[in-house]
Structure formats: structure tokens, C-alpha cells
Amino acid sequence: MDLGISGKSALVCAASKGLGRGVAEALAAAGVRLTINARGEETLAQTAAAIRAAHGTPVTAIAADITTEEGRARVLAAARSRPICSPPSR
């Protein structure tokens, strides 16, 4: 099913395992560029590598605690560095 989101960008928090990882995997399968976040750096890096390998989509992994101001700032800065969508095709 084409959701019309291929080429868009998304931020997924708590994405290293469980429901967050499932959301990240589904978005990657739909062609979405990802910024993923979790507190555990090693598991998050493994998840990012697995998603890249499985779906060929760009994935930026930011290990940070989003309950802190510094953590939120790091994650949001990384997410903002990605374009929201691809340029229109002509």
C-alpha cells in the first residue's frame, strides 16, 4: 500500500526496540528518511544499521534522553537538519 510518504522525513523516539522500532521499520519500508532516538547508544546503533540494511533508507541515530532539555535539543537539531520532503519532481 502506497501511503504517499516516500521521501519524507520522520523523527521516532524510543526507536531502539519494541513499538518504537516497529514504527521506524514501517516508516523505512515506506521510504521515509529517519531520525531515531533512544537512550541506549549501542542498541540504537544496531537498530539503525539493521533498518538501513533492510530498507536502504537514510537513518540518523541520536542517543539522548529526551526528558532533559539537552537531550531534546540534540534530537531536534538532528531532525531539523533533514529536509521535510523531497523537492517536487518536474
Protein backbone atom coordinates (compact mmCIF):
# COMPACT_ATOMS: atom_id res chain seq x y z
CA MET A 1 0.00 0.00 0.00
CA ASP A 2 1.43 3.38 -1.02
CA LEU A 3 0.92 5.88 1.80
CA GLY A 4 2.35 8.76 -0.23
CA ILE A 5 5.09 9.40 2.35
CA SER A 6 8.13 8.17 0.46
CA GLY A 7 10.89 10.77 0.56
CA LYS A 8 9.53 12.50 3.66
CA SER A 9 11.40 12.65 6.98
CA ALA A 10 10.30 11.43 10.40
CA LEU A 11 11.53 11.52 13.98
CA VAL A 12 10.84 8.38 16.02
CA CYS A 13 11.64 8.36 19.73
CA ALA A 14 12.16 5.18 21.79
CA ALA A 15 13.07 3.54 18.50
CA SER A 16 15.74 1.03 19.51
CA LYS A 17 13.28 -1.77 20.27
CA GLY A 18 9.63 -2.65 20.75
CA LEU A 19 6.86 -0.46 19.40
CA GLY A 20 9.18 2.44 18.55
CA ARG A 21 11.37 0.17 16.44
CA GLY A 22 8.28 -1.24 14.75
CA VAL A 23 7.16 2.28 13.82
CA ALA A 24 10.64 3.11 12.49
CA GLU A 25 10.74 -0.11 10.44
CA ALA A 26 7.30 0.59 8.94
CA LEU A 27 8.24 4.15 8.02
CA ALA A 28 11.52 2.99 6.48
CA ALA A 29 9.65 0.37 4.46
CA ALA A 30 7.50 3.21 3.12
CA GLY A 31 10.63 5.12 2.01
CA VAL A 32 10.80 7.65 4.83
CA ARG A 33 14.17 9.11 5.91
CA LEU A 34 14.54 8.65 9.65
CA THR A 35 15.99 10.29 12.70
CA ILE A 36 15.67 7.76 15.51
CA ASN A 37 16.26 8.27 19.21
CA ALA A 38 16.68 6.18 22.33
CA ARG A 39 18.82 6.40 25.45
CA GLY A 40 20.94 3.29 24.82
CA GLU A 41 23.61 4.11 22.24
CA GLU A 42 24.69 0.56 21.38
CA THR A 43 21.21 -0.87 20.81
CA LEU A 44 20.16 2.25 18.91
CA ALA A 45 23.19 1.99 16.60
CA GLN A 46 22.40 -1.67 15.93
CA THR A 47 18.80 -0.80 15.15
CA ALA A 48 19.83 2.00 12.77
CA ALA A 49 22.22 -0.33 10.94
CA ALA A 50 19.56 -3.03 10.64
CA ILE A 51 16.98 -0.58 9.26
CA ARG A 52 19.49 0.84 6.75
CA ALA A 53 20.42 -2.65 5.59
CA ALA A 54 16.84 -3.87 5.32
CA HIS A 55 15.29 -0.83 3.66
CA GLY A 56 18.12 1.25 2.15
CA THR A 57 16.76 4.41 3.70
CA PRO A 58 18.88 7.07 5.44
CA VAL A 59 18.79 6.73 9.24
CA THR A 60 20.36 9.12 11.74
CA ALA A 61 20.61 7.72 15.27
CA ILE A 62 20.83 10.10 18.22
CA ALA A 63 21.34 8.56 21.66
CA ALA A 64 19.91 11.04 24.15
CA ASP A 65 17.43 11.32 26.99
CA ILE A 66 14.55 13.43 25.66
CA THR A 67 13.30 14.09 29.19
CA THR A 68 16.19 16.55 29.53
CA GLU A 69 16.46 19.90 27.79
CA GLU A 70 19.89 19.00 26.38
CA GLY A 71 18.63 15.66 25.06
CA ARG A 72 15.64 17.24 23.36
CA ALA A 73 17.84 19.91 21.81
CA ARG A 74 20.24 17.30 20.34
CA VAL A 75 17.45 15.17 18.89
CA LEU A 76 15.51 18.09 17.44
CA ALA A 77 18.66 19.63 15.93
CA ALA A 78 19.41 16.35 14.16
CA ALA A 79 15.84 16.01 12.93
CA ARG A 80 15.77 19.60 11.66
CA SER A 81 18.93 19.04 9.64
CA ARG A 82 16.97 16.71 7.34
CA PRO A 83 14.65 18.18 4.71
CA ILE A 84 10.98 17.56 5.43
CA CYS A 85 10.31 16.26 1.97
CA SER A 86 11.95 15.71 -1.36
CA PRO A 87 11.89 18.51 -3.92
CA PRO A 88 8.96 18.16 -6.31
CA SER A 89 9.73 16.22 -9.46
CA ARG A 90 9.28 18.13 -12.70
